[in-house]
N, C-alpha and C. Protein backbone atom coordinates (compact mmCIF):
# COMPACT_ATOMS: atom_id res chain seq x y z
N MET A 1 0.82 -1.20 0.00
CA MET A 1 0.00 0.00 0.00
C MET A 1 0.86 1.26 0.00
N ILE A 2 1.93 1.25 0.78
CA ILE A 2 2.80 2.43 0.85
C ILE A 2 3.43 2.69 -0.52
N LEU A 3 3.82 1.64 -1.22
CA LEU A 3 4.42 1.80 -2.54
C LEU A 3 3.44 2.47 -3.51
N LYS A 4 2.17 2.07 -3.47
CA LYS A 4 1.16 2.67 -4.34
C LYS A 4 1.00 4.16 -4.04
N VAL A 5 1.03 4.52 -2.78
CA VAL A 5 0.90 5.93 -2.38
C VAL A 5 2.10 6.72 -2.89
N ASP A 6 3.30 6.16 -2.75
CA ASP A 6 4.50 6.85 -3.22
C ASP A 6 4.48 7.03 -4.74
N VAL A 7 4.04 6.03 -5.46
CA VAL A 7 3.94 6.13 -6.91
C VAL A 7 2.92 7.20 -7.28
N PHE A 8 1.79 7.21 -6.59
CA PHE A 8 0.77 8.21 -6.85
C PHE A 8 1.31 9.62 -6.60
N ARG A 9 2.01 9.81 -5.49
CA ARG A 9 2.58 11.13 -5.17
C ARG A 9 3.58 11.56 -6.24
N PHE A 10 4.41 10.62 -6.66
CA PHE A 10 5.40 10.94 -7.70
C PHE A 10 4.71 11.38 -8.99
N LEU A 11 3.72 10.62 -9.42
CA LEU A 11 3.01 10.96 -10.66
C LEU A 11 2.27 12.28 -10.53
N TYR A 12 1.68 12.53 -9.38
CA TYR A 12 0.98 13.79 -9.13
C TYR A 12 1.95 14.97 -9.24
N CYS A 13 3.11 14.84 -8.60
CA CYS A 13 4.12 15.91 -8.67
C CYS A 13 4.63 16.10 -10.09
N LEU A 14 4.80 15.02 -10.81
CA LEU A 14 5.26 15.09 -12.19
C LEU A 14 4.25 15.84 -13.06
N VAL A 15 2.99 15.55 -12.89
CA VAL A 15 1.94 16.24 -13.65
C VAL A 15 1.93 17.73 -13.30
N LEU A 16 2.01 18.05 -12.02
CA LEU A 16 2.04 19.46 -11.61
C LEU A 16 3.24 20.18 -12.20
N PHE A 17 4.39 19.53 -12.17
CA PHE A 17 5.59 20.14 -12.74
C PHE A 17 5.38 20.44 -14.22
N CYS A 18 4.85 19.48 -14.95
CA CYS A 18 4.63 19.68 -16.39
C CYS A 18 3.63 20.78 -16.65
N LEU A 19 2.60 20.87 -15.84
CA LEU A 19 1.61 21.93 -16.03
C LEU A 19 2.22 23.31 -15.85
N PHE A 20 3.11 23.46 -14.88
CA PHE A 20 3.71 24.76 -14.63
C PHE A 20 4.92 25.04 -15.52
N ALA A 21 5.65 24.02 -15.90
CA ALA A 21 6.87 24.22 -16.69
C ALA A 21 6.58 24.30 -18.18
N CYS A 22 5.55 23.64 -18.63
CA CYS A 22 5.23 23.59 -20.06
C CYS A 22 3.97 24.39 -20.30
N ASN A 23 3.92 25.06 -21.44
CA ASN A 23 2.71 25.80 -21.72
C ASN A 23 1.78 25.03 -22.63
N GLY A 24 2.18 23.83 -23.06
CA GLY A 24 1.27 22.93 -23.74
C GLY A 24 1.03 23.18 -25.21
N ASP A 25 1.44 24.31 -25.74
CA ASP A 25 1.16 24.58 -27.14
C ASP A 25 2.41 24.50 -28.01
N GLY A 26 3.49 23.96 -27.47
CA GLY A 26 4.70 23.79 -28.24
C GLY A 26 5.57 25.03 -28.34
N GLU A 27 5.12 26.12 -27.73
CA GLU A 27 5.92 27.34 -27.76
C GLU A 27 6.83 27.39 -26.54
N LEU A 28 7.88 28.20 -26.65
CA LEU A 28 8.80 28.36 -25.53
C LEU A 28 8.15 29.17 -24.42
N PRO A 29 8.50 28.89 -23.18
CA PRO A 29 8.01 29.71 -22.07
C PRO A 29 8.49 31.15 -22.23
N LEU A 30 7.78 32.07 -21.62
CA LEU A 30 8.08 33.50 -21.75
C LEU A 30 9.54 33.81 -21.45
N ARG A 31 10.09 33.23 -20.41
CA ARG A 31 11.48 33.54 -20.03
C ARG A 31 12.45 33.25 -21.18
N CYS A 32 12.19 32.19 -21.92
CA CYS A 32 13.09 31.83 -23.02
C CYS A 32 12.96 32.78 -24.20
N SER A 33 11.84 33.45 -24.32
CA SER A 33 11.64 34.29 -25.50
C SER A 33 11.62 35.78 -25.20
N LEU A 34 12.13 36.19 -24.04
CA LEU A 34 12.20 37.62 -23.72
C LEU A 34 13.13 38.33 -24.69
N ALA A 35 12.70 39.50 -25.15
CA ALA A 35 13.56 40.32 -26.02
C ALA A 35 14.52 41.12 -25.15
N PRO A 36 15.78 41.23 -25.54
CA PRO A 36 16.74 41.97 -24.74
C PRO A 36 16.53 43.48 -24.87
N GLU A 37 16.82 44.19 -23.79
CA GLU A 37 16.83 45.66 -23.81
C GLU A 37 18.13 46.10 -23.16
N VAL A 38 18.90 46.91 -23.86
CA VAL A 38 20.22 47.34 -23.40
C VAL A 38 20.15 48.14 -22.11
N GLY A 39 19.15 49.00 -21.95
CA GLY A 39 19.04 49.87 -20.79
C GLY A 39 19.78 51.17 -21.02
N PRO A 40 19.63 52.14 -20.09
CA PRO A 40 20.17 53.48 -20.29
C PRO A 40 21.66 53.66 -19.98
N CYS A 41 22.28 52.70 -19.34
CA CYS A 41 23.70 52.87 -18.95
C CYS A 41 24.63 52.48 -20.09
N ASP A 42 25.92 52.79 -19.92
CA ASP A 42 26.88 52.67 -21.02
C ASP A 42 27.88 51.52 -20.90
N ALA A 43 27.72 50.65 -19.93
CA ALA A 43 28.64 49.51 -19.83
C ALA A 43 28.40 48.57 -21.02
N LEU A 44 29.36 47.77 -21.31
CA LEU A 44 29.22 46.79 -22.40
C LEU A 44 29.42 45.39 -21.81
N ILE A 45 28.40 44.92 -21.13
CA ILE A 45 28.46 43.63 -20.45
C ILE A 45 27.80 42.58 -21.34
N PRO A 46 28.53 41.55 -21.74
CA PRO A 46 27.94 40.53 -22.61
C PRO A 46 26.86 39.73 -21.88
N ARG A 47 25.68 39.68 -22.49
CA ARG A 47 24.56 38.90 -22.00
C ARG A 47 23.91 38.21 -23.20
N TYR A 48 22.89 37.39 -22.96
CA TYR A 48 22.37 36.53 -24.03
C TYR A 48 20.84 36.53 -24.08
N TYR A 49 20.32 36.23 -25.26
CA TYR A 49 18.89 36.10 -25.49
C TYR A 49 18.67 35.08 -26.59
N PHE A 50 17.44 34.60 -26.71
CA PHE A 50 17.10 33.64 -27.76
C PHE A 50 16.43 34.37 -28.91
N ASP A 51 17.02 34.26 -30.09
CA ASP A 51 16.47 34.85 -31.31
C ASP A 51 15.58 33.80 -31.96
N SER A 52 14.27 33.97 -31.83
CA SER A 52 13.34 32.96 -32.34
C SER A 52 13.28 32.92 -33.86
N LYS A 53 13.63 34.01 -34.53
CA LYS A 53 13.63 34.01 -35.99
C LYS A 53 14.76 33.15 -36.55
N GLU A 54 15.92 33.21 -35.89
CA GLU A 54 17.06 32.41 -36.34
C GLU A 54 17.23 31.14 -35.52
N ASN A 55 16.36 30.97 -34.52
CA ASN A 55 16.35 29.76 -33.70
C ASN A 55 17.70 29.47 -33.03
N GLU A 56 18.29 30.52 -32.44
CA GLU A 56 19.56 30.34 -31.74
C GLU A 56 19.75 31.41 -30.67
N CYS A 57 20.59 31.09 -29.69
CA CYS A 57 20.94 32.05 -28.65
C CYS A 57 21.99 33.00 -29.19
N LYS A 58 21.83 34.28 -28.86
CA LYS A 58 22.77 35.29 -29.35
C LYS A 58 23.21 36.20 -28.21
N GLN A 59 24.35 36.81 -28.41
CA GLN A 59 24.90 37.74 -27.43
C GLN A 59 24.45 39.16 -27.77
N PHE A 60 24.26 39.97 -26.71
CA PHE A 60 24.06 41.40 -26.88
C PHE A 60 24.82 42.09 -25.76
N ASP A 61 25.10 43.37 -25.92
CA ASP A 61 25.83 44.14 -24.91
C ASP A 61 24.85 44.90 -24.03
N TRP A 62 24.72 44.46 -22.78
CA TRP A 62 23.85 45.10 -21.81
C TRP A 62 24.54 46.33 -21.25
N GLY A 63 23.79 47.38 -21.00
CA GLY A 63 24.35 48.63 -20.50
C GLY A 63 24.76 48.61 -19.04
N GLY A 64 24.29 47.64 -18.26
CA GLY A 64 24.69 47.54 -16.87
C GLY A 64 23.62 47.96 -15.87
N CYS A 65 22.55 48.60 -16.33
CA CYS A 65 21.45 48.96 -15.43
C CYS A 65 20.13 48.94 -16.20
N ASP A 66 19.07 48.68 -15.45
CA ASP A 66 17.73 48.59 -16.03
C ASP A 66 17.73 47.64 -17.23
N GLY A 67 16.92 47.90 -18.21
CA GLY A 67 16.87 47.04 -19.38
C GLY A 67 16.33 45.65 -19.06
N VAL A 68 16.43 44.77 -20.02
CA VAL A 68 15.98 43.38 -19.86
C VAL A 68 17.13 42.46 -20.26
N VAL A 69 17.53 41.60 -19.34
CA VAL A 69 18.59 40.63 -19.58
C VAL A 69 17.99 39.24 -19.42
N PRO A 70 17.62 38.61 -20.53
CA PRO A 70 17.02 37.27 -20.43
C PRO A 70 17.95 36.24 -19.79
N PHE A 71 19.24 36.24 -20.16
CA PHE A 71 20.18 35.24 -19.64
C PHE A 71 21.55 35.86 -19.40
N ASP A 72 22.19 35.45 -18.29
CA ASP A 72 23.54 35.92 -17.99
C ASP A 72 24.59 35.18 -18.79
N THR A 73 24.32 33.93 -19.14
CA THR A 73 25.31 33.14 -19.86
C THR A 73 24.68 32.45 -21.07
N LEU A 74 25.52 32.09 -22.01
CA LEU A 74 25.07 31.34 -23.18
C LEU A 74 24.49 30.00 -22.76
N GLU A 75 25.10 29.38 -21.76
CA GLU A 75 24.65 28.07 -21.29
C GLU A 75 23.23 28.15 -20.73
N GLU A 76 22.92 29.22 -19.97
CA GLU A 76 21.56 29.39 -19.43
C GLU A 76 20.55 29.48 -20.56
N CYS A 77 20.88 30.24 -21.59
CA CYS A 77 19.98 30.40 -22.74
C CYS A 77 19.75 29.06 -23.42
N GLU A 78 20.83 28.36 -23.72
CA GLU A 78 20.71 27.08 -24.42
C GLU A 78 19.94 26.06 -23.60
N GLU A 79 20.14 26.07 -22.29
CA GLU A 79 19.43 25.13 -21.42
C GLU A 79 17.93 25.43 -21.41
N CYS A 80 17.58 26.70 -21.34
CA CYS A 80 16.16 27.09 -21.33
C CYS A 80 15.48 26.65 -22.62
N VAL A 81 16.14 26.89 -23.72
CA VAL A 81 15.56 26.56 -25.03
C VAL A 81 15.47 25.05 -25.22
N SER A 82 16.51 24.32 -24.83
CA SER A 82 16.51 22.87 -25.06
C SER A 82 15.59 22.13 -24.10
N SER A 83 15.40 22.67 -22.89
CA SER A 83 14.55 21.98 -21.93
C SER A 83 13.12 22.50 -21.95
N GLY A 84 12.86 23.54 -22.72
CA GLY A 84 11.52 24.09 -22.77
C GLY A 84 11.17 24.93 -21.56
N GLY A 85 12.19 25.49 -20.88
CA GLY A 85 11.92 26.38 -19.78
C GLY A 85 12.72 26.09 -18.60
């Protein structure tokens, strides 16, 4: 009986995870498809975003304040895209 309960809990958690992690329509989650914004500052800090038109992660130069930085590293971007979020 305990084994059945554990299996049920595992499957329940797995379903909940999929519901929250996947959007179900085959599109990438919002975090993976955020457009980069340099921001008002003048630093040239390399950051990354996913270019959905070319279907690849690309680098952009973040200004260092405000703006939108989807990913700090290329690896984070690639992981988000390959895992679906």
